[in-house]
């Protein structure tokens, strides 16, 4: 063998072994300090609720504080950009949502590549969205709401947690399928959006179940339908949008824990197991059930395939609907 080639191969092998040893050493001593979960929406919304629920359990099982770092803006893309540039050492994680599979269909230029720059860790939860209106809208069904909007073109606004959010694309689908003239009003999270819905500044939203549920139960907003093809146990008397006349309407919002690309596989595997253990605890199950949330259950490889499929699907939906965020 050529001496130069032989030396090159030996050097390459040594480098790989050194990297593997460093990765194993990092995994063996992890966690030695607090862990941060970047949440790409403001406090009080569904993503924040899910992250804090699982973060508390991870803190208990790992013996280190888990800090929730809310970095809202641009439909979750600001937080994603920040997390994508963090060291791949297991100390910075990212709570991604379906919004990050939608974003490539809405933005021409993103400062990160969702599928390339993150390693999937665990599917944490999924939930339907709920079509809600305030008490100033004279409608008791989806059909009545559509009739009201058509009688008042340009006067009905739907809110979202930001451009590119699940609420945004849900509203765009509603507009496209009902052929109504409704105006999108983006916020920096679900909590301020719901506050304005209750206050009458906007008239409707298709919000995630955990964010909408307490206001529906409190009578502050009225729920008309859920976005999944199956009815939600949290709203047993509520029809699906498909049943209400929007045939084929189907959206499930999901939340997945991710790590910057290159995080040691040993850490990803351990985190997946820790999240699974957290989701099996009774208080977590009870809290999720009350809010219409289903706990996740996927291995990292399964989650990677799922995210790839979701991204392909929702990029097409966004483009077909003519939705943009810029």
Protein backbone atom coordinates (compact mmCIF):
# COMPACT_ATOMS: atom_id res chain seq x y z
CA UNK A 1 0.00 0.00 0.00
CA UNK A 2 1.23 3.50 -0.77
CA UNK A 3 2.90 4.92 2.36
CA UNK A 4 1.08 8.25 2.04
CA UNK A 5 -2.28 6.50 1.73
CA UNK A 6 -1.44 4.17 4.61
CA UNK A 7 -0.51 7.12 6.84
CA UNK A 8 -3.70 8.90 5.83
CA UNK A 9 -5.85 5.89 6.73
CA UNK A 10 -4.10 5.46 10.08
CA UNK A 11 -4.63 9.13 10.87
CA UNK A 12 -8.28 8.92 9.86
CA UNK A 13 -8.86 5.83 11.98
CA UNK A 14 -7.17 7.47 14.96
CA UNK A 15 -9.34 10.56 14.56
CA UNK A 16 -12.51 8.47 14.45
CA UNK A 17 -11.49 6.49 17.51
CA UNK A 18 -10.64 9.71 19.33
CA UNK A 19 -14.02 11.23 18.46
CA UNK A 20 -15.82 8.07 19.57
CA UNK A 21 -13.91 8.06 22.85
CA UNK A 22 -14.74 11.72 23.45
CA UNK A 23 -18.42 11.04 22.71
CA UNK A 24 -18.48 8.09 25.11
CA UNK A 25 -16.76 10.13 27.82
CA UNK A 26 -19.30 12.94 27.42
CA UNK A 27 -22.20 10.50 27.64
CA UNK A 28 -20.72 8.79 30.72
CA UNK A 29 -20.52 12.03 32.68
CA UNK A 30 -23.80 13.51 31.47
CA UNK A 31 -25.56 15.43 32.90
CA UNK A 32 -23.04 17.34 35.00
CA UNK A 33 -24.83 20.70 34.82
CA UNK A 34 -28.31 22.17 34.09
CA UNK A 35 -30.03 21.33 30.82
CA UNK A 36 -31.85 23.96 28.76
CA UNK A 37 -34.91 23.30 26.61
CA UNK A 38 -35.40 26.07 24.06
CA UNK A 39 -39.14 26.66 23.58
CA UNK A 40 -39.80 28.66 20.39
CA UNK A 41 -42.97 30.33 21.69
CA UNK A 42 -43.78 32.59 24.64
CA UNK A 43 -44.72 31.26 28.07
CA UNK A 44 -48.28 30.10 28.65
CA UNK A 45 -48.95 28.48 25.28
CA UNK A 46 -49.25 24.78 24.52
CA UNK A 47 -45.60 24.25 23.54
CA UNK A 48 -44.55 25.86 26.80
CA UNK A 49 -47.00 23.73 28.81
CA UNK A 50 -45.75 20.51 27.21
CA UNK A 51 -42.08 21.48 27.65
CA UNK A 52 -42.51 22.40 31.31
CA UNK A 53 -44.42 19.19 32.04
CA UNK A 54 -41.73 16.92 30.60
CA UNK A 55 -38.90 19.20 31.75
CA UNK A 56 -39.94 18.87 35.39
CA UNK A 57 -39.91 15.08 35.14
CA UNK A 58 -36.54 15.05 33.38
CA UNK A 59 -35.11 17.23 36.14
CA UNK A 60 -36.33 14.77 38.77
CA UNK A 61 -34.95 11.70 36.99
CA UNK A 62 -31.63 13.20 35.85
CA UNK A 63 -30.84 15.08 39.06
CA UNK A 64 -30.14 18.38 37.32
CA UNK A 65 -32.27 21.52 36.80
CA UNK A 66 -34.03 21.72 33.44
CA UNK A 67 -34.38 25.34 32.36
CA UNK A 68 -37.13 26.41 29.95
CA UNK A 69 -35.82 29.15 27.67
CA UNK A 70 -38.72 30.82 25.82
CA UNK A 71 -37.52 32.30 22.51
CA UNK A 72 -40.69 33.26 20.64
CA UNK A 73 -40.94 34.92 17.26
CA UNK A 74 -41.57 34.26 13.56
CA UNK A 75 -43.76 31.22 14.10
CA UNK A 76 -41.14 29.33 16.07
CA UNK A 77 -38.28 29.87 13.62
CA UNK A 78 -36.36 32.28 15.88
CA UNK A 79 -36.07 29.68 18.63
CA UNK A 80 -35.19 26.98 16.11
CA UNK A 81 -32.36 29.08 14.69
CA UNK A 82 -30.95 29.68 18.18
CA UNK A 83 -31.14 26.01 19.19
CA UNK A 84 -29.64 24.80 15.91
CA UNK A 85 -26.42 26.69 16.68
CA UNK A 86 -26.02 25.35 20.23
CA UNK A 87 -23.24 22.86 21.08
CA UNK A 88 -24.22 19.24 20.41
CA UNK A 89 -23.40 18.15 23.96
CA UNK A 90 -26.81 17.23 25.37
CA UNK A 91 -27.14 20.39 27.44
CA UNK A 92 -29.32 22.28 24.95
CA UNK A 93 -32.49 20.66 23.64
CA UNK A 94 -35.29 22.03 21.47
CA UNK A 95 -39.06 21.57 21.69
CA UNK A 96 -40.07 21.41 18.04
CA UNK A 97 -43.65 21.35 16.78
CA UNK A 98 -45.53 20.71 13.57
CA UNK A 99 -44.86 24.40 12.83
CA UNK A 100 -41.27 23.49 12.00
CA UNK A 101 -42.44 21.04 9.35
CA UNK A 102 -44.73 23.72 7.93
CA UNK A 103 -42.17 26.56 7.90
CA UNK A 104 -40.22 25.47 4.78
CA UNK A 105 -43.46 25.88 2.81
CA UNK A 106 -44.03 29.41 4.11
CA UNK A 107 -40.56 30.97 4.23
CA UNK A 108 -38.24 31.29 1.25
CA UNK A 109 -35.17 31.59 3.44
CA UNK A 110 -34.68 29.99 6.86
CA UNK A 111 -31.45 30.34 8.89
CA UNK A 112 -31.45 26.58 9.58
CA UNK A 113 -32.49 23.30 7.99
CA UNK A 114 -34.95 21.57 10.31
CA UNK A 115 -34.19 18.02 9.18
CA UNK A 116 -30.44 18.49 8.75
CA UNK A 117 -29.57 20.61 11.79
CA UNK A 118 -31.44 18.62 14.46
CA UNK A 119 -31.37 15.03 15.67
CA UNK A 120 -34.80 13.68 16.71
CA UNK A 121 -34.95 12.57 20.35
CA UNK A 122 -38.55 11.79 21.32
CA UNK A 123 -42.12 12.49 20.28
CA UNK A 124 -43.54 14.05 23.44
CA UNK A 125 -47.19 14.65 22.64
CA UNK A 126 -49.87 15.25 20.02
CA UNK A 127 -53.21 17.02 20.16
CA UNK A 128 -56.05 18.19 17.96
CA UNK A 129 -56.66 21.84 17.34
CA UNK A 130 -60.03 23.29 18.28
CA UNK A 131 -62.05 25.85 16.31
CA UNK A 132 -63.07 28.47 18.87
CA UNK A 133 -64.96 31.77 18.64
CA UNK A 134 -65.76 34.48 21.17
CA UNK A 135 -69.25 35.32 22.41
CA UNK A 136 -69.57 38.26 20.02
CA UNK A 137 -69.79 35.91 17.03
CA UNK A 138 -73.42 34.78 16.51
CA UNK A 139 -72.71 31.16 15.58
CA UNK A 140 -73.37 27.83 17.27
CA UNK A 141 -72.01 25.57 14.54
CA UNK A 142 -69.39 25.54 11.81
CA UNK A 143 -72.10 26.05 9.18
CA UNK A 144 -73.41 29.12 11.01
CA UNK A 145 -69.87 30.50 11.35
CA UNK A 146 -69.20 30.08 7.63
CA UNK A 147 -72.50 31.78 6.81
CA UNK A 148 -71.65 34.67 9.16
CA UNK A 149 -68.21 35.14 7.60
CA UNK A 150 -69.66 35.14 4.08
CA UNK A 151 -72.24 37.73 5.15
CA UNK A 152 -69.44 39.88 6.61
CA UNK A 153 -66.49 39.55 4.18
CA UNK A 154 -63.23 40.97 5.47
CA UNK A 155 -64.61 41.62 8.95
CA UNK A 156 -63.65 38.36 10.64
CA UNK A 157 -60.07 37.84 11.84
CA UNK A 158 -58.47 34.58 12.91
CA UNK A 159 -55.53 34.59 15.30
CA UNK A 160 -52.46 32.39 15.48
CA UNK A 161 -49.37 31.88 17.61
CA UNK A 162 -47.32 33.38 14.77
CA UNK A 163 -46.64 33.14 11.07
CA UNK A 164 -46.07 29.51 10.20
CA UNK A 165 -47.64 28.18 13.40
CA UNK A 166 -50.12 25.33 13.48
CA UNK A 167 -52.91 27.84 14.12
CA UNK A 168 -51.83 29.77 11.03
CA UNK A 169 -51.91 26.82 8.65
CA UNK A 170 -55.14 25.54 10.27
CA UNK A 171 -56.75 28.90 9.54
CA UNK A 172 -55.41 28.97 6.00
CA UNK A 173 -56.87 25.51 5.40
CA UNK A 174 -60.21 26.69 6.80
CA UNK A 175 -60.17 29.75 4.54
CA UNK A 176 -59.26 27.69 1.48
CA UNK A 177 -61.79 24.92 2.08
CA UNK A 178 -64.69 27.25 2.98
CA UNK A 179 -63.75 29.90 0.39
CA UNK A 180 -64.26 32.63 2.95
CA UNK A 181 -62.63 36.03 3.37
CA UNK A 182 -60.96 35.88 6.79
CA UNK A 183 -57.85 37.83 7.82
CA UNK A 184 -54.87 36.26 9.58
CA UNK A 185 -53.55 38.07 12.68
CA UNK A 186 -50.25 36.57 13.94
CA UNK A 187 -49.15 36.84 17.58
CA UNK A 188 -45.96 35.80 19.37
CA UNK A 189 -47.60 32.84 21.04
CA UNK A 190 -50.90 31.19 21.87
CA UNK A 191 -51.39 32.94 25.23
CA UNK A 192 -51.56 36.55 23.91
CA UNK A 193 -53.64 35.37 20.98
CA UNK A 194 -56.22 33.75 23.28
CA UNK A 195 -56.30 36.90 25.43
CA UNK A 196 -57.25 38.96 22.39
CA UNK A 197 -59.83 36.39 21.28
CA UNK A 198 -61.50 36.57 24.68
CA UNK A 199 -61.25 40.37 24.60
CA UNK A 200 -62.89 40.62 21.19
CA UNK A 201 -59.92 41.99 19.22
CA UNK A 202 -60.14 38.91 16.97
CA UNK A 203 -63.16 36.72 16.32
CA UNK A 204 -61.90 33.16 15.86
CA UNK A 205 -58.93 30.83 16.14
CA UNK A 206 -58.11 27.20 15.52
CA UNK A 207 -56.05 26.74 18.65
CA UNK A 208 -54.33 23.72 20.18
CA UNK A 209 -56.42 21.86 22.73
CA UNK A 210 -54.32 22.54 25.88
CA UNK A 211 -54.36 26.29 25.23
CA UNK A 212 -58.07 26.39 24.40
CA UNK A 213 -59.43 23.88 26.95
CA UNK A 214 -59.44 26.02 30.13
CA UNK A 215 -61.14 28.91 28.32
CA UNK A 216 -63.72 26.58 26.78
CA UNK A 217 -64.46 25.04 30.20
CA UNK A 218 -64.65 28.53 31.72
CA UNK A 219 -67.15 29.69 29.10
CA UNK A 220 -64.86 32.46 27.84
CA UNK A 221 -64.80 31.05 24.30
CA UNK A 222 -67.06 28.63 22.44
CA UNK A 223 -65.74 25.50 20.73
CA UNK A 224 -67.32 24.43 17.44
CA UNK A 225 -65.17 21.54 16.13
CA UNK A 226 -61.85 19.71 16.34
CA UNK A 227 -59.37 19.35 13.49
CA UNK A 228 -58.65 15.61 13.65
CA UNK A 229 -60.62 12.98 11.73
CA UNK A 230 -61.61 11.33 15.03
CA UNK A 231 -63.45 13.11 17.82
CA UNK A 232 -61.43 14.08 20.89
CA UNK A 233 -62.20 12.47 24.28
CA UNK A 234 -61.63 15.92 25.80
CA UNK A 235 -64.58 17.27 23.77
CA UNK A 236 -66.91 14.25 23.43
CA UNK A 237 -69.86 16.21 22.07
CA UNK A 238 -67.85 18.21 19.56
CA UNK A 239 -67.88 17.24 15.87
CA UNK A 240 -64.80 17.12 13.70
CA UNK A 241 -64.40 19.70 10.94
CA UNK A 242 -64.69 16.79 8.52
CA UNK A 243 -68.09 15.90 10.00
CA UNK A 244 -69.09 19.56 9.95
CA UNK A 245 -68.72 19.76 6.18
CA UNK A 246 -65.02 20.37 5.54
CA UNK A 247 -64.43 16.93 4.06
CA UNK A 248 -60.90 15.66 4.50
CA UNK A 249 -59.84 18.35 6.96
CA UNK A 250 -57.28 16.65 9.19
CA UNK A 251 -54.56 18.22 11.35
CA UNK A 252 -52.83 16.92 14.45
CA UNK A 253 -50.40 19.19 16.26
CA UNK A 254 -47.33 17.38 17.60
CA UNK A 255 -44.44 18.28 19.88
CA UNK A 256 -41.03 16.62 19.62
CA UNK A 257 -37.86 16.97 21.66
CA UNK A 258 -34.84 17.51 19.41
CA UNK A 259 -31.11 17.96 19.91
CA UNK A 260 -28.56 19.88 17.82
CA UNK A 261 -27.18 17.64 15.08
CA UNK A 262 -24.17 15.64 16.20
CA UNK A 263 -25.34 15.04 19.77
CA UNK A 264 -23.81 11.71 20.91
CA UNK A 265 -26.16 8.82 20.04
CA UNK A 266 -25.79 7.48 23.59
CA UNK A 267 -27.31 10.70 24.94
CA UNK A 268 -30.12 10.64 22.39
CA UNK A 269 -30.96 7.05 23.33
CA UNK A 270 -30.92 7.83 27.04
CA UNK A 271 -33.05 10.96 26.61
CA UNK A 272 -35.58 8.99 24.59
CA UNK A 273 -35.87 6.47 27.45
CA UNK A 274 -36.12 9.23 30.08
CA UNK A 275 -38.92 10.98 28.15
CA UNK A 276 -40.79 7.68 27.73
CA UNK A 277 -40.51 7.09 31.48
CA UNK A 278 -41.77 10.60 32.22
CA UNK A 279 -44.79 10.22 29.95
CA UNK A 280 -45.83 7.02 31.73
CA UNK A 281 -46.18 8.72 35.11
CA UNK A 282 -49.76 9.04 36.33
CA UNK A 283 -49.73 12.78 37.01
CA UNK A 284 -48.44 13.48 33.50
CA UNK A 285 -51.03 11.14 31.96
CA UNK A 286 -53.79 12.78 33.98
CA UNK A 287 -52.74 16.30 33.03
CA UNK A 288 -52.45 15.42 29.36
CA UNK A 289 -55.82 13.65 29.34
CA UNK A 290 -57.56 16.68 30.87
CA UNK A 291 -56.18 18.85 28.08
CA UNK A 292 -56.93 16.53 25.19
CA UNK A 293 -53.27 15.58 24.71
CA UNK A 294 -51.96 12.13 23.73
CA UNK A 295 -48.51 11.15 24.98
CA UNK A 296 -45.98 10.29 22.30
CA UNK A 297 -44.22 6.96 21.80
CA UNK A 298 -41.52 6.81 19.11
CA UNK A 299 -37.90 5.75 18.88
CA UNK A 300 -35.52 8.36 17.41
CA UNK A 301 -35.38 6.57 14.03
CA UNK A 302 -39.19 6.39 13.88
CA UNK A 303 -39.44 10.07 14.76
CA UNK A 304 -36.95 10.98 12.03
CA UNK A 305 -39.10 9.20 9.42
CA UNK A 306 -42.28 10.75 10.84
CA UNK A 307 -40.86 14.28 10.67
CA UNK A 308 -39.71 13.69 7.10
CA UNK A 309 -43.20 12.57 6.11
CA UNK A 310 -44.88 15.46 7.94
CA UNK A 311 -42.58 18.03 6.34
CA UNK A 312 -43.30 16.73 2.85
CA UNK A 313 -47.05 16.78 3.55
CA UNK A 314 -47.35 20.22 5.13
CA UNK A 315 -44.99 22.03 2.77
CA UNK A 316 -47.28 20.90 -0.06
CA UNK A 317 -50.42 21.93 1.84
CA UNK A 318 -48.99 25.37 2.61
CA UNK A 319 -47.96 25.97 -0.99
CA UNK A 320 -51.23 24.64 -2.41
CA UNK A 321 -53.14 27.00 -0.08
CA UNK A 322 -50.99 29.93 -1.20
CA UNK A 323 -49.98 30.63 2.40
CA UNK A 324 -46.91 32.76 3.07
CA UNK A 325 -45.21 34.18 6.15
CA UNK A 326 -42.96 36.82 4.59
